[in-house]
């Protein structure tokens, strides 16, 4: 299984957690990754797709914005993953623009996602982990 599939599996688990836990904010996944042919990549670029946009975008109750980029921890199945050059540029540009160094998190697990959102003052409306979410 490729590294991207492991990261996809983590994304699916994070989305399942967020749906169940119902953070008191709006959130969505930005599907910028994946394999595309040259024509589709060019079309998406013309439409405004931006390289380096983090995996998850959050509009918080105070109308501020937060970003979570998912990366893999090292396991016997894959190497630890890191932000790409484009992701680092987006991260820096966001911090420079907003002067907010606390609303962009690189997370490697559901627990790290929950801790980042807790730090952003999220009030959980639903159920936190009451049964395990399987990361395949």
Protein backbone atom coordinates (compact mmCIF):
# COMPACT_ATOMS: atom_id res chain seq x y z
CA UNK A 1 0.00 0.00 0.00
CA UNK A 2 1.41 3.41 -0.93
CA UNK A 3 2.10 6.15 1.59
CA UNK A 4 -0.76 8.19 0.09
CA UNK A 5 -3.20 5.39 0.89
CA UNK A 6 -2.07 5.38 4.53
CA UNK A 7 -2.56 9.16 4.67
CA UNK A 8 -5.96 8.76 2.99
CA UNK A 9 -6.92 6.23 5.66
CA UNK A 10 -5.88 8.67 8.39
CA UNK A 11 -7.99 11.38 6.70
CA UNK A 12 -11.02 9.07 6.60
CA UNK A 13 -10.57 8.28 10.31
CA UNK A 14 -10.22 11.99 11.18
CA UNK A 15 -13.39 12.80 9.22
CA UNK A 16 -15.27 10.00 11.02
CA UNK A 17 -14.05 11.37 14.36
CA UNK A 18 -15.10 14.93 13.47
CA UNK A 19 -18.56 13.78 12.33
CA UNK A 20 -19.09 11.89 15.58
CA UNK A 21 -17.58 14.50 17.89
CA UNK A 22 -19.38 17.42 16.20
CA UNK A 23 -16.96 20.24 16.86
CA UNK A 24 -18.83 23.52 17.23
CA UNK A 25 -17.45 24.89 13.96
CA UNK A 26 -17.60 24.40 10.20
CA UNK A 27 -14.99 22.11 8.68
CA UNK A 28 -14.16 20.39 5.43
CA UNK A 29 -11.41 18.48 3.70
CA UNK A 30 -9.60 20.11 0.78
CA UNK A 31 -8.95 17.37 -1.79
CA UNK A 32 -5.85 18.90 -3.39
CA UNK A 33 -3.85 15.67 -3.53
CA UNK A 34 -4.25 12.67 -5.73
CA UNK A 35 -3.22 11.74 -9.21
CA UNK A 36 -4.45 13.79 -12.15
CA UNK A 37 -3.63 13.92 -15.82
CA UNK A 38 -1.96 17.07 -17.20
CA UNK A 39 -5.17 18.46 -18.71
CA UNK A 40 -7.15 18.17 -15.50
CA UNK A 41 -4.29 19.60 -13.43
CA UNK A 42 -4.08 22.59 -15.81
CA UNK A 43 -7.87 23.09 -15.65
CA UNK A 44 -7.88 22.98 -11.85
CA UNK A 45 -5.00 25.46 -11.72
CA UNK A 46 -6.98 27.85 -13.95
CA UNK A 47 -9.93 27.44 -11.55
CA UNK A 48 -7.77 28.58 -8.64
CA UNK A 49 -6.60 25.37 -7.01
CA UNK A 50 -3.66 26.32 -4.84
CA UNK A 51 -0.76 23.99 -4.08
CA UNK A 52 0.03 23.57 -0.41
CA UNK A 53 -3.47 24.11 1.01
CA UNK A 54 -3.78 21.99 4.18
CA UNK A 55 -5.98 18.91 4.37
CA UNK A 56 -8.64 20.36 6.69
CA UNK A 57 -10.03 23.86 6.92
CA UNK A 58 -12.01 25.06 9.95
CA UNK A 59 -14.13 28.17 10.38
CA UNK A 60 -14.18 28.69 14.12
CA UNK A 61 -16.98 30.23 16.22
CA UNK A 62 -15.14 33.57 16.42
CA UNK A 63 -15.06 33.61 12.56
CA UNK A 64 -11.33 32.97 12.50
CA UNK A 65 -9.89 30.19 10.37
CA UNK A 66 -7.75 27.21 11.30
CA UNK A 67 -5.89 24.63 9.24
CA UNK A 68 -4.83 21.06 9.93
CA UNK A 69 -2.34 19.25 7.73
CA UNK A 70 -2.21 15.49 8.27
CA UNK A 71 1.11 13.69 8.07
CA UNK A 72 2.14 10.14 8.87
CA UNK A 73 4.11 8.97 11.87
CA UNK A 74 6.82 6.42 11.15
CA UNK A 75 5.60 2.82 11.36
CA UNK A 76 6.91 -0.52 10.11
CA UNK A 77 4.75 0.06 6.98
CA UNK A 78 5.86 3.57 5.97
CA UNK A 79 8.28 6.37 6.69
CA UNK A 80 7.41 9.52 8.60
CA UNK A 81 6.00 12.15 6.24
CA UNK A 82 6.69 15.88 6.27
CA UNK A 83 5.20 19.04 4.80
CA UNK A 84 6.01 19.64 1.14
CA UNK A 85 7.76 22.83 0.04
CA UNK A 86 4.39 24.23 -1.10
CA UNK A 87 2.77 23.37 2.25
CA UNK A 88 5.56 25.13 4.14
CA UNK A 89 5.10 28.23 1.95
CA UNK A 90 1.31 28.23 2.56
CA UNK A 91 1.90 27.79 6.31
CA UNK A 92 4.34 30.72 6.44
CA UNK A 93 2.14 32.93 4.23
CA UNK A 94 -0.87 32.23 6.49
CA UNK A 95 1.09 33.10 9.63
CA UNK A 96 2.54 36.26 8.04
CA UNK A 97 -0.87 37.39 6.77
CA UNK A 98 -2.81 36.76 9.95
CA UNK A 99 -0.08 37.07 12.59
CA UNK A 100 -1.65 33.89 14.06
CA UNK A 101 0.92 31.25 14.81
CA UNK A 102 -1.58 29.05 16.67
CA UNK A 103 -4.18 28.23 14.01
CA UNK A 104 -2.17 25.91 11.78
CA UNK A 105 -1.37 22.44 13.07
CA UNK A 106 0.48 19.49 11.59
CA UNK A 107 -1.15 16.41 13.12
CA UNK A 108 -0.20 12.73 12.94
CA UNK A 109 -3.19 11.20 14.77
CA UNK A 110 -6.81 11.75 15.76
CA UNK A 111 -5.63 12.66 19.27
CA UNK A 112 -3.39 15.40 17.87
CA UNK A 113 -6.33 16.75 15.84
CA UNK A 114 -8.50 16.83 18.98
CA UNK A 115 -5.74 18.59 20.95
CA UNK A 116 -5.30 21.22 18.21
CA UNK A 117 -9.05 21.92 18.14
CA UNK A 118 -9.16 22.06 21.95
CA UNK A 119 -6.38 24.65 21.80
CA UNK A 120 -8.50 26.68 19.37
CA UNK A 121 -11.33 26.76 21.93
CA UNK A 122 -13.66 24.30 20.21
CA UNK A 123 -16.67 23.18 22.23
CA UNK A 124 -17.48 19.56 21.42
CA UNK A 125 -21.19 19.03 20.70
CA UNK A 126 -21.23 15.29 20.08
CA UNK A 127 -19.55 12.19 21.37
CA UNK A 128 -15.84 12.02 21.77
CA UNK A 129 -14.24 8.63 21.49
CA UNK A 130 -16.67 6.14 23.04
CA UNK A 131 -15.61 3.33 20.76
CA UNK A 132 -12.40 3.06 18.79
CA UNK A 133 -12.15 4.41 15.27
CA UNK A 134 -10.12 1.98 13.23
CA UNK A 135 -7.30 3.48 11.17
CA UNK A 136 -6.67 0.96 8.41
